PDB file of all heavy atoms in Angstrom:
ATOM      1  N   GLN A   1       3.216  -5.862  -2.634  1.00  0.00           N
ATOM      2  CA  GLN A   1       2.503  -4.960  -1.728  1.00  0.00           C
ATOM      3  C   GLN A   1       3.317  -4.707  -0.474  1.00  0.00           C
ATOM      4  O   GLN A   1       3.399  -3.560   0.025  1.00  0.00           O
ATOM      5  CB  GLN A   1       1.169  -5.594  -1.317  1.00  0.00           C
ATOM      6  CG  GLN A   1       0.042  -5.234  -2.245  1.00  0.00           C
ATOM      7  CD  GLN A   1      -1.285  -5.690  -1.656  1.00  0.00           C
ATOM      8  OE1 GLN A   1      -1.527  -6.889  -1.564  1.00  0.00           O
ATOM      9  NE2 GLN A   1      -2.125  -4.750  -1.266  1.00  0.00           N
ATOM     10  N   LEU A   2       3.924  -5.766   0.074  1.00  0.00           N
ATOM     11  CA  LEU A   2       4.766  -5.609   1.269  1.00  0.00           C
ATOM     12  C   LEU A   2       5.930  -4.685   0.990  1.00  0.00           C
ATOM     13  O   LEU A   2       6.323  -3.862   1.833  1.00  0.00           O
ATOM     14  CB  LEU A   2       5.266  -6.983   1.733  1.00  0.00           C
ATOM     15  CG  LEU A   2       4.207  -7.969   2.209  1.00  0.00           C
ATOM     16  CD1 LEU A   2       4.795  -9.344   2.443  1.00  0.00           C
ATOM     17  CD2 LEU A   2       3.530  -7.472   3.491  1.00  0.00           C
ATOM     18  N   THR A   3       6.502  -4.812  -0.213  1.00  0.00           N
ATOM     19  CA  THR A   3       7.653  -3.979  -0.568  1.00  0.00           C
ATOM     20  C   THR A   3       7.253  -2.519  -0.691  1.00  0.00           C
ATOM     21  O   THR A   3       7.973  -1.621  -0.241  1.00  0.00           O
ATOM     22  CB  THR A   3       8.251  -4.490  -1.896  1.00  0.00           C
ATOM     23  OG1 THR A   3       8.404  -5.914  -1.820  1.00  0.00           O
ATOM     24  CG2 THR A   3       9.607  -3.907  -2.160  1.00  0.00           C
ATOM     25  N   VAL A   4       6.088  -2.281  -1.300  1.00  0.00           N
ATOM     26  CA  VAL A   4       5.564  -0.903  -1.381  1.00  0.00           C
ATOM     27  C   VAL A   4       5.312  -0.377   0.043  1.00  0.00           C
ATOM     28  O   VAL A   4       5.685   0.753   0.370  1.00  0.00           O
ATOM     29  CB  VAL A   4       4.273  -0.848  -2.232  1.00  0.00           C
ATOM     30  CG1 VAL A   4       3.576   0.493  -2.078  1.00  0.00           C
ATOM     31  CG2 VAL A   4       4.593  -1.112  -3.694  1.00  0.00           C
ATOM     32  N   GLY A   5       4.721  -1.208   0.898  1.00  0.00           N
ATOM     33  CA  GLY A   5       4.463  -0.809   2.279  1.00  0.00           C
ATOM     34  C   GLY A   5       5.746  -0.437   3.008  1.00  0.00           C
ATOM     35  O   GLY A   5       5.807   0.555   3.743  1.00  0.00           O
ATOM     36  N   ALA A   6       6.809  -1.234   2.766  1.00  0.00           N
ATOM     37  CA  ALA A   6       8.095  -0.979   3.456  1.00  0.00           C
ATOM     38  C   ALA A   6       8.677   0.360   3.045  1.00  0.00           C
ATOM     39  O   ALA A   6       9.217   1.086   3.875  1.00  0.00           O
ATOM     40  CB  ALA A   6       9.070  -2.115   3.148  1.00  0.00           C
ATOM     41  N   ILE A   7       8.578   0.710   1.746  1.00  0.00           N
ATOM     42  CA  ILE A   7       9.163   1.996   1.321  1.00  0.00           C
ATOM     43  C   ILE A   7       8.315   3.159   1.835  1.00  0.00           C
ATOM     44  O   ILE A   7       8.841   4.203   2.230  1.00  0.00           O
ATOM     45  CB  ILE A   7       9.378   2.064  -0.207  1.00  0.00           C
ATOM     46  CG1 ILE A   7      10.233   3.286  -0.595  1.00  0.00           C
ATOM     47  CG2 ILE A   7       8.094   2.118  -0.998  1.00  0.00           C
ATOM     48  CD1 ILE A   7      11.628   3.309  -0.075  1.00  0.00           C
ATOM     49  N   LEU A   8       6.990   2.978   1.877  1.00  0.00           N
ATOM     50  CA  LEU A   8       6.122   4.034   2.421  1.00  0.00           C
ATOM     51  C   LEU A   8       6.472   4.268   3.893  1.00  0.00           C
ATOM     52  O   LEU A   8       6.449   5.402   4.359  1.00  0.00           O
ATOM     53  CB  LEU A   8       4.651   3.630   2.260  1.00  0.00           C
ATOM     54  CG  LEU A   8       4.118   3.623   0.810  1.00  0.00           C
ATOM     55  CD1 LEU A   8       2.744   2.953   0.739  1.00  0.00           C
ATOM     56  CD2 LEU A   8       4.041   5.046   0.251  1.00  0.00           C
ATOM     57  N   ARG A   9       6.760   3.196   4.606  1.00  0.00           N
ATOM     58  CA  ARG A   9       7.163   3.328   6.027  1.00  0.00           C
ATOM     59  C   ARG A   9       8.429   4.180   6.121  1.00  0.00           C
ATOM     60  O   ARG A   9       8.534   5.077   6.949  1.00  0.00           O
ATOM     61  CB  ARG A   9       7.389   1.957   6.644  1.00  0.00           C
ATOM     62  CG  ARG A   9       7.941   1.987   8.055  1.00  0.00           C
ATOM     63  CD  ARG A   9       8.108   0.606   8.660  1.00  0.00           C
ATOM     64  NE  ARG A   9       9.160  -0.175   8.027  1.00  0.00           N
ATOM     65  CZ  ARG A   9      10.464  -0.036   8.291  1.00  0.00           C
ATOM     66  NH1 ARG A   9      10.883   0.897   9.132  1.00  0.00           N
ATOM     67  NH2 ARG A   9      11.354  -0.796   7.693  1.00  0.00           N
ATOM     68  N   ARG A  10       9.402   3.885   5.264  1.00  0.00           N
ATOM     69  CA  ARG A  10      10.665   4.662   5.298  1.00  0.00           C
ATOM     70  C   ARG A  10      10.430   6.119   5.000  1.00  0.00           C
ATOM     71  O   ARG A  10      11.164   6.986   5.445  1.00  0.00           O
ATOM     72  CB  ARG A  10      11.655   4.104   4.274  1.00  0.00           C
ATOM     73  CG  ARG A  10      12.351   2.837   4.743  1.00  0.00           C
ATOM     74  CD  ARG A  10      13.469   2.510   3.765  1.00  0.00           C
ATOM     75  NE  ARG A  10      14.153   1.293   4.181  1.00  0.00           N
ATOM     76  CZ  ARG A  10      15.463   1.236   4.384  1.00  0.00           C
ATOM     77  NH1 ARG A  10      16.218   2.281   4.208  1.00  0.00           N
ATOM     78  NH2 ARG A  10      16.017   0.104   4.733  1.00  0.00           N
ATOM     79  N   GLU A  11       9.414   6.393   4.176  1.00  0.00           N
ATOM     80  CA  GLU A  11       9.118   7.797   3.816  1.00  0.00           C
ATOM     81  C   GLU A  11       8.273   8.487   4.891  1.00  0.00           C
ATOM     82  O   GLU A  11       7.914   9.653   4.736  1.00  0.00           O
ATOM     83  CB  GLU A  11       8.368   7.829   2.473  1.00  0.00           C
ATOM     84  CG  GLU A  11       9.211   7.405   1.277  1.00  0.00           C
ATOM     85  CD  GLU A  11       8.418   7.439  -0.007  1.00  0.00           C
ATOM     86  OE1 GLU A  11       7.559   6.585  -0.210  1.00  0.00           O
ATOM     87  OE2 GLU A  11       8.685   8.341  -0.822  1.00  0.00           O
ATOM     88  N   GLY A  12       7.926   7.734   5.943  1.00  0.00           N
ATOM     89  CA  GLY A  12       7.124   8.339   7.029  1.00  0.00           C
ATOM     90  C   GLY A  12       5.635   8.412   6.709  1.00  0.00           C
ATOM     91  O   GLY A  12       4.883   9.105   7.379  1.00  0.00           O
ATOM     92  N   LYS A  13       5.187   7.688   5.653  1.00  0.00           N
ATOM     93  CA  LYS A  13       3.747   7.688   5.281  1.00  0.00           C
ATOM     94  C   LYS A  13       3.075   6.502   5.968  1.00  0.00           C
ATOM     95  O   LYS A  13       2.739   5.484   5.338  1.00  0.00           O
ATOM     96  CB  LYS A  13       3.600   7.597   3.768  1.00  0.00           C
ATOM     97  CG  LYS A  13       4.264   8.757   3.008  1.00  0.00           C
ATOM     98  CD  LYS A  13       4.233   8.547   1.485  1.00  0.00           C
ATOM     99  CE  LYS A  13       4.909   9.687   0.754  1.00  0.00           C
ATOM    100  NZ  LYS A  13       5.010   9.436  -0.698  1.00  0.00           N
ATOM    101  N   GLU A  14       2.888   6.625   7.290  1.00  0.00           N
ATOM    102  CA  GLU A  14       2.508   5.471   8.108  1.00  0.00           C
ATOM    103  C   GLU A  14       1.166   4.859   7.721  1.00  0.00           C
ATOM    104  O   GLU A  14       1.037   3.637   7.646  1.00  0.00           O
ATOM    105  CB  GLU A  14       2.472   5.825   9.594  1.00  0.00           C
ATOM    106  CG  GLU A  14       3.802   5.649  10.323  1.00  0.00           C
ATOM    107  CD  GLU A  14       4.595   6.945  10.347  1.00  0.00           C
ATOM    108  OE1 GLU A  14       4.103   7.940   9.814  1.00  0.00           O
ATOM    109  OE2 GLU A  14       5.727   6.915  10.887  1.00  0.00           O
ATOM    110  N   ALA A  15       0.167   5.698   7.506  1.00  0.00           N
ATOM    111  CA  ALA A  15      -1.195   5.159   7.254  1.00  0.00           C
ATOM    112  C   ALA A  15      -1.222   4.363   5.941  1.00  0.00           C
ATOM    113  O   ALA A  15      -1.748   3.260   5.879  1.00  0.00           O
ATOM    114  CB  ALA A  15      -2.212   6.295   7.230  1.00  0.00           C
ATOM    115  N   ASP A  16      -0.626   4.947   4.888  1.00  0.00           N
ATOM    116  CA  ASP A  16      -0.569   4.253   3.588  1.00  0.00           C
ATOM    117  C   ASP A  16       0.240   2.965   3.716  1.00  0.00           C
ATOM    118  O   ASP A  16      -0.109   1.929   3.145  1.00  0.00           O
ATOM    119  CB  ASP A  16       0.064   5.146   2.518  1.00  0.00           C
ATOM    120  CG  ASP A  16      -0.784   6.361   2.196  1.00  0.00           C
ATOM    121  OD1 ASP A  16      -1.984   6.338   2.556  1.00  0.00           O
ATOM    122  OD2 ASP A  16      -0.269   7.318   1.584  1.00  0.00           O
ATOM    123  N   ALA A  17       1.359   3.046   4.457  1.00  0.00           N
ATOM    124  CA  ALA A  17       2.223   1.876   4.630  1.00  0.00           C
ATOM    125  C   ALA A  17       1.440   0.750   5.310  1.00  0.00           C
ATOM    126  O   ALA A  17       1.463  -0.388   4.869  1.00  0.00           O
ATOM    127  CB  ALA A  17       3.449   2.245   5.462  1.00  0.00           C
ATOM    128  N   GLU A  18       0.708   1.113   6.368  1.00  0.00           N
ATOM    129  CA  GLU A  18      -0.001   0.075   7.118  1.00  0.00           C
ATOM    130  C   GLU A  18      -1.089  -0.593   6.256  1.00  0.00           C
ATOM    131  O   GLU A  18      -1.273  -1.798   6.300  1.00  0.00           O
ATOM    132  CB  GLU A  18      -0.630   0.675   8.408  1.00  0.00           C
ATOM    133  CG  GLU A  18      -1.279  -0.403   9.263  1.00  0.00           C
ATOM    134  CD  GLU A  18      -1.552   0.068  10.680  1.00  0.00           C
ATOM    135  OE1 GLU A  18      -1.226   1.224  11.040  1.00  0.00           O
ATOM    136  OE2 GLU A  18      -2.088  -0.751  11.461  1.00  0.00           O
ATOM    137  N   ARG A  19      -1.751   0.221   5.435  1.00  0.00           N
ATOM    138  CA  ARG A  19      -2.789  -0.354   4.557  1.00  0.00           C
ATOM    139  C   ARG A  19      -2.185  -1.391   3.611  1.00  0.00           C
ATOM    140  O   ARG A  19      -2.688  -2.494   3.476  1.00  0.00           O
ATOM    141  CB  ARG A  19      -3.448   0.764   3.761  1.00  0.00           C
ATOM    142  CG  ARG A  19      -4.766   0.358   3.102  1.00  0.00           C
ATOM    143  CD  ARG A  19      -5.451   1.487   2.369  1.00  0.00           C
ATOM    144  NE  ARG A  19      -4.558   2.102   1.394  1.00  0.00           N
ATOM    145  CZ  ARG A  19      -4.065   3.327   1.495  1.00  0.00           C
ATOM    146  NH1 ARG A  19      -4.356   4.084   2.548  1.00  0.00           N
ATOM    147  NH2 ARG A  19      -3.269   3.823   0.558  1.00  0.00           N
ATOM    148  N   GLU A  20      -1.065  -1.045   2.949  1.00  0.00           N
ATOM    149  CA  GLU A  20      -0.422  -1.986   2.009  1.00  0.00           C
ATOM    150  C   GLU A  20       0.086  -3.239   2.737  1.00  0.00           C
ATOM    151  O   GLU A  20      -0.048  -4.358   2.250  1.00  0.00           O
ATOM    152  CB  GLU A  20       0.756  -1.314   1.269  1.00  0.00           C
ATOM    153  CG  GLU A  20       0.360  -0.204   0.311  1.00  0.00           C
ATOM    154  CD  GLU A  20      -0.372  -0.696  -0.935  1.00  0.00           C
ATOM    155  OE1 GLU A  20      -0.512  -1.909  -1.146  1.00  0.00           O
ATOM    156  OE2 GLU A  20      -0.803   0.180  -1.733  1.00  0.00           O
ATOM    157  N   LEU A  21       0.722  -3.029   3.890  1.00  0.00           N
ATOM    158  CA  LEU A  21       1.305  -4.170   4.615  1.00  0.00           C
ATOM    159  C   LEU A  21       0.232  -5.137   5.106  1.00  0.00           C
ATOM    160  O   LEU A  21       0.360  -6.361   4.945  1.00  0.00           O
ATOM    161  CB  LEU A  21       2.142  -3.670   5.816  1.00  0.00           C
ATOM    162  CG  LEU A  21       3.424  -2.908   5.458  1.00  0.00           C
ATOM    163  CD1 LEU A  21       4.057  -2.324   6.732  1.00  0.00           C
ATOM    164  CD2 LEU A  21       4.427  -3.786   4.741  1.00  0.00           C
ATOM    165  N   ARG A  22      -0.859  -4.585   5.645  1.00  0.00           N
ATOM    166  CA  ARG A  22      -1.914  -5.475   6.159  1.00  0.00           C
ATOM    167  C   ARG A  22      -2.628  -6.182   5.020  1.00  0.00           C
ATOM    168  O   ARG A  22      -3.012  -7.354   5.144  1.00  0.00           O
ATOM    169  CB  ARG A  22      -2.898  -4.700   7.049  1.00  0.00           C
ATOM    170  CG  ARG A  22      -2.238  -4.260   8.361  1.00  0.00           C
ATOM    171  CD  ARG A  22      -3.255  -3.910   9.443  1.00  0.00           C
ATOM    172  NE  ARG A  22      -2.594  -3.443  10.659  1.00  0.00           N
ATOM    173  CZ  ARG A  22      -2.116  -4.224  11.633  1.00  0.00           C
ATOM    174  NH1 ARG A  22      -2.183  -5.550  11.494  1.00  0.00           N
ATOM    175  NH2 ARG A  22      -1.551  -3.710  12.701  1.00  0.00           N
ATOM    176  N   SER A  23      -2.784  -5.501   3.898  1.00  0.00           N
ATOM    177  CA  SER A  23      -3.404  -6.130   2.732  1.00  0.00           C
ATOM    178  C   SER A  23      -2.525  -7.256   2.193  1.00  0.00           C
ATOM    179  O   SER A  23      -3.012  -8.350   1.875  1.00  0.00           O
ATOM    180  CB  SER A  23      -3.669  -5.063   1.673  1.00  0.00           C
ATOM    181  OG  SER A  23      -4.022  -5.655   0.473  1.00  0.00           O
ATOM    182  N   GLY A  24      -1.216  -7.018   2.109  1.00  0.00           N
ATOM    183  CA  GLY A  24      -0.267  -8.041   1.662  1.00  0.00           C
ATOM    184  C   GLY A  24      -0.273  -9.254   2.587  1.00  0.00           C
ATOM    185  O   GLY A  24      -0.297 -10.402   2.133  1.00  0.00           O
ATOM    186  N   LEU A  25      -0.288  -8.974   3.905  1.00  0.00           N
ATOM    187  CA  LEU A  25      -0.340 -10.073   4.883  1.00  0.00           C
ATOM    188  C   LEU A  25      -1.619 -10.893   4.728  1.00  0.00           C
ATOM    189  O   LEU A  25      -1.609 -12.125   4.731  1.00  0.00           O
ATOM    190  CB  LEU A  25      -0.238  -9.534   6.314  1.00  0.00           C
ATOM    191  CG  LEU A  25      -0.400 -10.555   7.442  1.00  0.00           C
ATOM    192  CD1 LEU A  25       0.665 -11.654   7.378  1.00  0.00           C
ATOM    193  CD2 LEU A  25      -0.380  -9.878   8.818  1.00  0.00           C
ATOM    194  N   ALA A  26      -2.760 -10.196   4.553  1.00  0.00           N
ATOM    195  CA  ALA A  26      -4.048 -10.885   4.418  1.00  0.00           C
ATOM    196  C   ALA A  26      -4.014 -11.823   3.188  1.00  0.00           C
ATOM    197  O   ALA A  26      -4.479 -12.961   3.266  1.00  0.00           O
ATOM    198  CB  ALA A  26      -5.166  -9.869   4.288  1.00  0.00           C
ATOM    199  N   THR A  27      -3.446 -11.349   2.091  1.00  0.00           N
ATOM    200  CA  THR A  27      -3.331 -12.178   0.885  1.00  0.00           C
ATOM    201  C   THR A  27      -2.486 -13.421   1.175  1.00  0.00           C
ATOM    202  O   THR A  27      -2.882 -14.527   0.823  1.00  0.00           O
ATOM    203  CB  THR A  27      -2.685 -11.378  -0.268  1.00  0.00           C
ATOM    204  OG1 THR A  27      -3.467 -10.213  -0.507  1.00  0.00           O
ATOM    205  CG2 THR A  27      -2.616 -12.203  -1.545  1.00  0.00           C
ATOM    206  N   LEU A  28      -1.347 -13.229   1.826  1.00  0.00           N
ATOM    207  CA  LEU A  28      -0.489 -14.368   2.132  1.00  0.00           C
ATOM    208  C   LEU A  28      -1.173 -15.350   3.067  1.00  0.00           C
ATOM    209  O   LEU A  28      -1.036 -16.561   2.923  1.00  0.00           O
ATOM    210  CB  LEU A  28       0.840 -13.890   2.740  1.00  0.00           C
ATOM    211  CG  LEU A  28       1.814 -13.246   1.763  1.00  0.00           C
ATOM    212  CD1 LEU A  28       3.010 -12.674   2.524  1.00  0.00           C
ATOM    213  CD2 LEU A  28       2.292 -14.222   0.698  1.00  0.00           C
ATOM    214  N   GLU A  29      -1.911 -14.825   4.033  1.00  0.00           N
ATOM    215  CA  GLU A  29      -2.586 -15.728   4.998  1.00  0.00           C
ATOM    216  C   GLU A  29      -3.682 -16.542   4.289  1.00  0.00           C
ATOM    217  O   GLU A  29      -3.975 -17.663   4.710  1.00  0.00           O
ATOM    218  CB  GLU A  29      -3.148 -14.928   6.187  1.00  0.00           C
ATOM    219  CG  GLU A  29      -2.024 -14.470   7.112  1.00  0.00           C
ATOM    220  CD  GLU A  29      -2.485 -13.738   8.354  1.00  0.00           C
ATOM    221  OE1 GLU A  29      -3.431 -12.931   8.254  1.00  0.00           O
ATOM    222  OE2 GLU A  29      -1.899 -13.966   9.416  1.00  0.00           O
ATOM    223  N   ARG A  30      -4.235 -15.979   3.216  1.00  0.00           N
ATOM    224  CA  ARG A  30      -5.242 -16.727   2.431  1.00  0.00           C
ATOM    225  C   ARG A  30      -4.569 -17.751   1.507  1.00  0.00           C
ATOM    226  O   ARG A  30      -5.124 -18.820   1.266  1.00  0.00           O
ATOM    227  CB  ARG A  30      -6.061 -15.772   1.558  1.00  0.00           C
ATOM    228  CG  ARG A  30      -7.204 -15.080   2.245  1.00  0.00           C
ATOM    229  CD  ARG A  30      -8.208 -14.531   1.224  1.00  0.00           C
ATOM    230  NE  ARG A  30      -7.588 -13.787   0.142  1.00  0.00           N
ATOM    231  CZ  ARG A  30      -7.204 -12.518   0.220  1.00  0.00           C
ATOM    232  NH1 ARG A  30      -7.364 -11.840   1.319  1.00  0.00           N
ATOM    233  NH2 ARG A  30      -6.676 -11.911  -0.834  1.00  0.00           N
ATOM    234  N   THR A  31      -3.416 -17.389   0.928  1.00  0.00           N
ATOM    235  CA  THR A  31      -2.887 -18.169  -0.196  1.00  0.00           C
ATOM    236  C   THR A  31      -1.670 -19.024   0.161  1.00  0.00           C
ATOM    237  O   THR A  31      -1.437 -20.036  -0.453  1.00  0.00           O
ATOM    238  CB  THR A  31      -2.501 -17.240  -1.352  1.00  0.00           C
ATOM    239  OG1 THR A  31      -1.593 -16.238  -0.857  1.00  0.00           O
ATOM    240  CG2 THR A  31      -3.707 -16.544  -1.950  1.00  0.00           C
ATOM    241  N   ALA A  32      -0.864 -18.577   1.139  1.00  0.00           N
ATOM    242  CA  ALA A  32       0.344 -19.354   1.488  1.00  0.00           C
ATOM    243  C   ALA A  32       0.014 -20.253   2.688  1.00  0.00           C
ATOM    244  O   ALA A  32      -1.073 -20.184   3.266  1.00  0.00           O
ATOM    245  CB  ALA A  32       1.479 -18.399   1.829  1.00  0.00           C
ATOM    246  N   GLU A  33       0.967 -21.106   3.058  1.00  0.00           N
ATOM    247  CA  GLU A  33       0.823 -21.884   4.282  1.00  0.00           C
ATOM    248  C   GLU A  33       0.732 -20.917   5.462  1.00  0.00           C
ATOM    249  O   GLU A  33       1.475 -19.920   5.507  1.00  0.00           O
ATOM    250  CB  GLU A  33       2.041 -22.779   4.464  1.00  0.00           C
ATOM    251  CG  GLU A  33       2.160 -23.910   3.470  1.00  0.00           C
ATOM    252  CD  GLU A  33       1.072 -24.954   3.666  1.00  0.00           C
ATOM    253  OE1 GLU A  33       0.883 -25.415   4.826  1.00  0.00           O
ATOM    254  OE2 GLU A  33       0.382 -25.277   2.683  1.00  0.00           O
ATOM    255  N   PRO A  34      -0.111 -21.201   6.466  1.00  0.00           N
ATOM    256  CA  PRO A  34      -0.292 -20.229   7.558  1.00  0.00           C
ATOM    257  C   PRO A  34       0.980 -19.890   8.311  1.00  0.00           C
ATOM    258  O   PRO A  34       1.184 -18.753   8.736  1.00  0.00           O
ATOM    259  CB  PRO A  34      -1.315 -20.906   8.485  1.00  0.00           C
ATOM    260  CG  PRO A  34      -1.435 -22.323   7.997  1.00  0.00           C
ATOM    261  CD  PRO A  34      -1.007 -22.344   6.582  1.00  0.00           C
ATOM    262  N   ASN A  35       1.889 -20.867   8.444  1.00  0.00           N
ATOM    263  CA  ASN A  35       3.141 -20.572   9.143  1.00  0.00           C
ATOM    264  C   ASN A  35       4.346 -20.576   8.198  1.00  0.00           C
ATOM    265  O   ASN A  35       5.444 -20.968   8.562  1.00  0.00           O
ATOM    266  CB  ASN A  35       3.367 -21.572  10.286  1.00  0.00           C
ATOM    267  CG  ASN A  35       2.463 -21.245  11.462  1.00  0.00           C
ATOM    268  OD1 ASN A  35       2.292 -20.072  11.814  1.00  0.00           O
ATOM    269  ND2 ASN A  35       1.861 -22.241  12.059  1.00  0.00           N
ATOM    270  N   SER A  36       4.115 -20.105   6.977  1.00  0.00           N
ATOM    271  CA  SER A  36       5.221 -20.080   6.015  1.00  0.00           C
ATOM    272  C   SER A  36       6.157 -18.919   6.353  1.00  0.00           C
ATOM    273  O   SER A  36       5.743 -17.931   6.991  1.00  0.00           O
ATOM    274  CB  SER A  36       4.689 -19.924   4.592  1.00  0.00           C
ATOM    275  OG  SER A  36       4.233 -18.595   4.416  1.00  0.00           O
ATOM    276  N   ALA A  37       7.384 -19.041   5.868  1.00  0.00           N
ATOM    277  CA  ALA A  37       8.381 -17.970   6.081  1.00  0.00           C
ATOM    278  C   ALA A  37       7.875 -16.639   5.538  1.00  0.00           C
ATOM    279  O   ALA A  37       8.105 -15.582   6.134  1.00  0.00           O
ATOM    280  CB  ALA A  37       9.684 -18.360   5.404  1.00  0.00           C
ATOM    281  N   GLN A  38       7.113 -16.688   4.418  1.00  0.00           N
ATOM    282  CA  GLN A  38       6.610 -15.434   3.826  1.00  0.00           C
ATOM    283  C   GLN A  38       5.667 -14.705   4.792  1.00  0.00           C
ATOM    284  O   GLN A  38       5.723 -13.483   4.893  1.00  0.00           O
ATOM    285  CB  GLN A  38       5.830 -15.748   2.539  1.00  0.00           C
ATOM    286  CG  GLN A  38       6.735 -16.124   1.358  1.00  0.00           C
ATOM    287  CD  GLN A  38       5.894 -16.479   0.141  1.00  0.00           C
ATOM    288  OE1 GLN A  38       4.993 -17.323   0.226  1.00  0.00           O
ATOM    289  NE2 GLN A  38       6.176 -15.871  -0.970  1.00  0.00           N
ATOM    290  N   VAL A  39       4.831 -15.472   5.469  1.00  0.00           N
ATOM    291  CA  VAL A  39       3.905 -14.853   6.441  1.00  0.00           C
ATOM    292  C   VAL A  39       4.708 -14.225   7.575  1.00  0.00           C
ATOM    293  O   VAL A  39       4.430 -13.113   8.015  1.00  0.00           O
ATOM    294  CB  VAL A  39       2.894 -15.900   6.974  1.00  0.00           C
ATOM    295  CG1 VAL A  39       2.102 -15.350   8.166  1.00  0.00           C
ATOM    296  CG2 VAL A  39       1.933 -16.328   5.862  1.00  0.00           C
ATOM    297  N   GLY A  40       5.757 -14.928   8.028  1.00  0.00           N
ATOM    298  CA  GLY A  40       6.629 -14.383   9.078  1.00  0.00           C
ATOM    299  C   GLY A  40       7.257 -13.071   8.644  1.00  0.00           C
ATOM    300  O   GLY A  40       7.320 -12.095   9.439  1.00  0.00           O
ATOM    301  N   ASP A  41       7.701 -13.014   7.386  1.00  0.00           N
ATOM    302  CA  ASP A  41       8.339 -11.772   6.869  1.00  0.00           C
ATOM    303  C   ASP A  41       7.328 -10.612   6.885  1.00  0.00           C
ATOM    304  O   ASP A  41       7.674  -9.477   7.241  1.00  0.00           O
ATOM    305  CB  ASP A  41       8.836 -11.982   5.428  1.00  0.00           C
ATOM    306  CG  ASP A  41       9.964 -13.016   5.361  1.00  0.00           C
ATOM    307  OD1 ASP A  41      10.472 -13.416   6.427  1.00  0.00           O
ATOM    308  OD2 ASP A  41      10.303 -13.435   4.239  1.00  0.00           O
ATOM    309  N   ALA A  42       6.095 -10.905   6.469  1.00  0.00           N
ATOM    310  CA  ALA A  42       5.059  -9.872   6.415  1.00  0.00           C
ATOM    311  C   ALA A  42       4.753  -9.352   7.833  1.00  0.00           C
ATOM    312  O   ALA A  42       4.593  -8.144   8.050  1.00  0.00           O
ATOM    313  CB  ALA A  42       3.803 -10.421   5.765  1.00  0.00           C
ATOM    314  N   ILE A  43       4.686 -10.282   8.787  1.00  0.00           N
ATOM    315  CA  ILE A  43       4.397  -9.883  10.184  1.00  0.00           C
ATOM    316  C   ILE A  43       5.509  -8.961  10.709  1.00  0.00           C
ATOM    317  O   ILE A  43       5.254  -7.978  11.399  1.00  0.00           O
ATOM    318  CB  ILE A  43       4.230 -11.142  11.050  1.00  0.00           C
ATOM    319  CG1 ILE A  43       2.917 -11.839  10.694  1.00  0.00           C
ATOM    320  CG2 ILE A  43       4.252 -10.811  12.540  1.00  0.00           C
ATOM    321  CD1 ILE A  43       2.762 -13.230  11.264  1.00  0.00           C
ATOM    322  N   LEU A  44       6.765  -9.303  10.363  1.00  0.00           N
ATOM    323  CA  LEU A  44       7.889  -8.450  10.782  1.00  0.00           C
ATOM    324  C   LEU A  44       7.779  -7.051  10.226  1.00  0.00           C
ATOM    325  O   LEU A  44       8.046  -6.072  10.921  1.00  0.00           O
ATOM    326  CB  LEU A  44       9.229  -9.070  10.314  1.00  0.00           C
ATOM    327  CG  LEU A  44       9.962  -9.953  11.298  1.00  0.00           C
ATOM    328  CD1 LEU A  44      11.278 -10.454  10.698  1.00  0.00           C
ATOM    329  CD2 LEU A  44      10.253  -9.222  12.631  1.00  0.00           C
ATOM    330  N   GLN A  45       7.370  -6.936   8.948  1.00  0.00           N
ATOM    331  CA  GLN A  45       7.233  -5.596   8.346  1.00  0.00           C
ATOM    332  C   GLN A  45       6.227  -4.762   9.124  1.00  0.00           C
ATOM    333  O   GLN A  45       6.421  -3.546   9.341  1.00  0.00           O
ATOM    334  CB  GLN A  45       6.811  -5.711   6.870  1.00  0.00           C
ATOM    335  CG  GLN A  45       7.892  -6.209   5.941  1.00  0.00           C
ATOM    336  CD  GLN A  45       9.042  -5.218   5.778  1.00  0.00           C
ATOM    337  OE1 GLN A  45       8.927  -4.028   6.117  1.00  0.00           O
ATOM    338  NE2 GLN A  45      10.165  -5.697   5.279  1.00  0.00           N
ATOM    339  N   ILE A  46       5.117  -5.390   9.557  1.00  0.00           N
ATOM    340  CA  ILE A  46       4.104  -4.642  10.337  1.00  0.00           C
ATOM    341  C   ILE A  46       4.660  -4.295  11.721  1.00  0.00           C
ATOM    342  O   ILE A  46       4.426  -3.187  12.238  1.00  0.00           O
ATOM    343  CB  ILE A  46       2.800  -5.450  10.422  1.00  0.00           C
ATOM    344  CG1 ILE A  46       2.194  -5.598   9.015  1.00  0.00           C
ATOM    345  CG2 ILE A  46       1.796  -4.767  11.357  1.00  0.00           C
ATOM    346  CD1 ILE A  46       1.034  -6.565   8.916  1.00  0.00           C
ATOM    347  N   ALA A  47       5.456  -5.213  12.282  1.00  0.00           N
ATOM    348  CA  ALA A  47       6.093  -4.923  13.583  1.00  0.00           C
ATOM    349  C   ALA A  47       6.990  -3.703  13.470  1.00  0.00           C
ATOM    350  O   ALA A  47       6.970  -2.818  14.339  1.00  0.00           O
ATOM    351  CB  ALA A  47       6.897  -6.141  14.054  1.00  0.00           C
TER     352      ALA A  47
END
């Protein structure tokens, strides 16, 4: 999901990108360790 969000961002499709990125981050925050490197990567994509 994060990868799809990143390419949508590059294409200038901001709203779709943000939806995918936030959804991917929410999944990671539920399933991964809260301060895992994966969560950090997802936060950077939204930044």
